[in-house]
């Protein structure tokens, strides 16, 4: 397994992980019609722009297949003085979870944030997402929540934060 910075050629692999992860993670949480309408091609176009504009990291298996990815940068709302960075997204295919890949992908983003002189971060996650346990296990603290709507269904999103004193950002 290898963690590396994504290149444009990786965008279809990233799109597949994104769509497949949503379909396994959010089944029974997000309306089925929304999940069924997710498209690799649409997501690939989104990720082409993201790979050009942001630091995106991928996890590859021994065959060179993308099995996970992460990306982050400056916190996007400006509402959280204590949280200057943001883990925008992290996804690992279900069959590869629980092997430490997520921690390595988070660390790649944290290293970028530190290079940008950002000493904290947050991530938003749907409350019913099983990954919330992962964020808590790696030291994330619940700092806020808000209601969102996906395909007509109201859901609660939780912000998890790691401040400058968390193990990720202590120097």
Protein backbone atom coordinates (compact mmCIF):
# COMPACT_ATOMS: atom_id res chain seq x y z
CA UNK A 1 0.00 0.00 0.00
CA UNK A 2 1.26 3.45 -0.95
CA UNK A 3 0.10 6.96 0.01
CA UNK A 4 1.01 9.65 -2.52
CA UNK A 5 -0.14 12.95 -3.93
CA UNK A 6 -2.83 12.48 -6.57
CA UNK A 7 -2.26 13.30 -10.22
CA UNK A 8 -4.85 13.99 -12.93
CA UNK A 9 -4.60 10.38 -14.12
CA UNK A 10 -5.91 9.28 -10.69
CA UNK A 11 -9.22 11.13 -10.92
CA UNK A 12 -11.33 8.21 -12.18
CA UNK A 13 -9.99 6.04 -9.34
CA UNK A 14 -10.79 8.80 -6.85
CA UNK A 15 -14.29 9.16 -8.35
CA UNK A 16 -14.92 5.41 -8.00
CA UNK A 17 -13.83 5.45 -4.35
CA UNK A 18 -16.00 8.52 -3.73
CA UNK A 19 -19.16 7.03 -5.29
CA UNK A 20 -18.66 3.51 -3.94
CA UNK A 21 -17.93 4.85 -0.44
CA UNK A 22 -21.06 6.99 -0.46
CA UNK A 23 -23.14 4.00 -1.56
CA UNK A 24 -21.84 1.75 1.23
CA UNK A 25 -21.52 4.36 3.99
CA UNK A 26 -24.79 6.21 3.47
CA UNK A 27 -27.11 3.33 2.49
CA UNK A 28 -30.16 3.69 4.71
CA UNK A 29 -29.08 7.21 5.74
CA UNK A 30 -29.31 9.17 2.48
CA UNK A 31 -32.23 8.46 0.10
CA UNK A 32 -31.52 5.49 -2.20
CA UNK A 33 -32.44 7.49 -5.32
CA UNK A 34 -29.68 10.00 -4.54
CA UNK A 35 -27.10 7.23 -4.11
CA UNK A 36 -28.23 5.45 -7.29
CA UNK A 37 -27.87 8.67 -9.28
CA UNK A 38 -24.24 9.22 -8.28
CA UNK A 39 -22.04 8.88 -11.33
CA UNK A 40 -18.36 8.06 -11.70
CA UNK A 41 -18.15 10.38 -14.71
CA UNK A 42 -19.68 13.34 -12.87
CA UNK A 43 -17.43 12.82 -9.87
CA UNK A 44 -14.39 12.45 -12.10
CA UNK A 45 -15.01 15.93 -13.52
CA UNK A 46 -15.28 17.35 -9.99
CA UNK A 47 -12.05 15.62 -8.93
CA UNK A 48 -10.17 16.85 -12.00
CA UNK A 49 -10.76 20.39 -10.75
CA UNK A 50 -9.98 19.46 -7.16
CA UNK A 51 -6.68 17.76 -8.01
CA UNK A 52 -5.61 20.90 -9.90
CA UNK A 53 -6.70 23.28 -7.11
CA UNK A 54 -5.95 21.36 -3.89
CA UNK A 55 -3.64 18.83 -2.41
CA UNK A 56 -5.35 15.47 -2.81
CA UNK A 57 -3.74 12.28 -1.53
CA UNK A 58 -4.52 8.75 -2.57
CA UNK A 59 -3.93 5.32 -1.08
CA UNK A 60 -3.07 2.68 -3.66
CA UNK A 61 -3.12 -1.06 -3.19
CA UNK A 62 -0.34 -3.34 -4.46
CA UNK A 63 -1.94 -3.39 -7.92
CA UNK A 64 -1.91 0.40 -8.21
CA UNK A 65 -5.68 0.72 -7.66
CA UNK A 66 -6.97 3.73 -5.72
CA UNK A 67 -8.54 2.44 -2.48
CA UNK A 68 -8.83 5.73 -0.57
CA UNK A 69 -8.19 9.45 -0.71
CA UNK A 70 -8.10 12.61 1.37
CA UNK A 71 -7.93 16.33 0.76
CA UNK A 72 -7.88 19.46 2.87
CA UNK A 73 -6.85 23.08 3.16
CA UNK A 74 -7.94 26.30 4.80
CA UNK A 75 -11.19 26.11 6.81
CA UNK A 76 -13.85 27.26 4.36
CA UNK A 77 -16.40 29.19 6.44
CA UNK A 78 -14.17 31.48 8.49
CA UNK A 79 -16.50 30.87 11.45
CA UNK A 80 -14.08 28.88 13.61
CA UNK A 81 -11.23 30.95 15.01
CA UNK A 82 -9.67 27.96 16.76
CA UNK A 83 -9.80 25.74 13.67
CA UNK A 84 -7.87 27.22 10.77
CA UNK A 85 -7.57 24.11 8.59
CA UNK A 86 -10.12 21.66 7.28
CA UNK A 87 -10.06 18.03 6.26
CA UNK A 88 -12.44 18.46 3.32
CA UNK A 89 -12.87 14.79 2.53
CA UNK A 90 -11.53 11.37 3.41
CA UNK A 91 -12.85 8.13 2.00
CA UNK A 92 -11.52 4.57 2.13
CA UNK A 93 -13.28 1.67 0.41
CA UNK A 94 -15.19 -0.39 2.97
CA UNK A 95 -13.13 -3.53 2.39
CA UNK A 96 -9.91 -1.62 3.20
CA UNK A 97 -11.11 0.13 6.35
CA UNK A 98 -9.63 -0.73 9.74
CA UNK A 99 -6.09 -1.17 8.39
CA UNK A 100 -4.62 2.23 9.29
CA UNK A 101 -5.09 3.74 5.82
CA UNK A 102 -7.38 6.47 7.12
CA UNK A 103 -4.82 7.58 9.70
CA UNK A 104 -2.14 7.84 7.01
CA UNK A 105 -4.45 9.84 4.73
CA UNK A 106 -5.31 12.21 7.60
CA UNK A 107 -1.62 12.63 8.40
CA UNK A 108 -0.90 13.61 4.78
CA UNK A 109 -3.43 16.44 5.03
CA UNK A 110 -2.16 17.47 8.49
CA UNK A 111 1.39 17.71 7.10
CA UNK A 112 0.09 20.01 4.35
CA UNK A 113 -1.79 22.15 6.85
CA UNK A 114 1.34 22.52 8.97
CA UNK A 115 3.31 23.57 5.87
CA UNK A 116 0.63 26.22 5.30
CA UNK A 117 1.19 27.42 8.92
CA UNK A 118 -2.26 26.14 9.95
CA UNK A 119 -2.18 24.50 13.37
CA UNK A 120 -5.66 23.01 13.72
CA UNK A 121 -8.45 21.52 11.63
CA UNK A 122 -12.02 20.37 11.55
CA UNK A 123 -14.10 18.01 9.45
CA UNK A 124 -17.86 17.86 8.89
CA UNK A 125 -19.55 14.44 8.94
CA UNK A 126 -23.15 13.28 8.83
CA UNK A 127 -23.97 12.19 12.37
CA UNK A 128 -25.02 8.67 11.31
CA UNK A 129 -21.78 8.11 9.38
CA UNK A 130 -19.90 5.21 11.00
CA UNK A 131 -16.66 7.17 10.36
CA UNK A 132 -17.61 9.46 13.26
CA UNK A 133 -16.18 6.76 15.55
CA UNK A 134 -12.92 7.00 13.58
CA UNK A 135 -12.75 10.79 14.02
CA UNK A 136 -13.29 10.37 17.75
CA UNK A 137 -10.67 7.58 17.94
CA UNK A 138 -8.05 9.86 16.36
CA UNK A 139 -8.76 12.66 18.82
CA UNK A 140 -11.50 14.69 17.13
CA UNK A 141 -13.78 16.55 19.53
CA UNK A 142 -17.35 17.54 18.66
CA UNK A 143 -17.33 21.32 18.26
CA UNK A 144 -20.51 22.15 16.37
CA UNK A 145 -23.47 20.75 14.46
CA UNK A 146 -25.86 21.91 11.79
CA UNK A 147 -28.78 20.60 9.81
CA UNK A 148 -28.32 19.85 6.12
CA UNK A 149 -30.63 18.45 3.49
CA UNK A 150 -29.76 15.79 0.92
CA UNK A 151 -32.37 14.82 -1.66
CA UNK A 152 -35.15 16.18 0.54
CA UNK A 153 -34.02 14.41 3.72
CA UNK A 154 -32.92 16.49 6.70
CA UNK A 155 -29.73 15.24 8.33
CA UNK A 156 -27.50 16.44 11.13
CA UNK A 157 -23.85 17.13 10.43
CA UNK A 158 -21.28 17.18 13.21
CA UNK A 159 -18.04 19.17 13.11
CA UNK A 160 -15.10 17.39 14.72
CA UNK A 161 -12.09 19.51 15.58
CA UNK A 162 -8.44 19.07 16.40
CA UNK A 163 -6.95 22.18 18.00
CA UNK A 164 -3.33 23.30 18.24
CA UNK A 165 -2.85 21.13 21.35
CA UNK A 166 -4.02 17.90 19.71
CA UNK A 167 -1.42 15.24 19.00
CA UNK A 168 -1.57 16.01 15.27
CA UNK A 169 -0.55 19.64 15.68
CA UNK A 170 1.78 19.68 18.67
CA UNK A 171 5.33 20.26 17.51
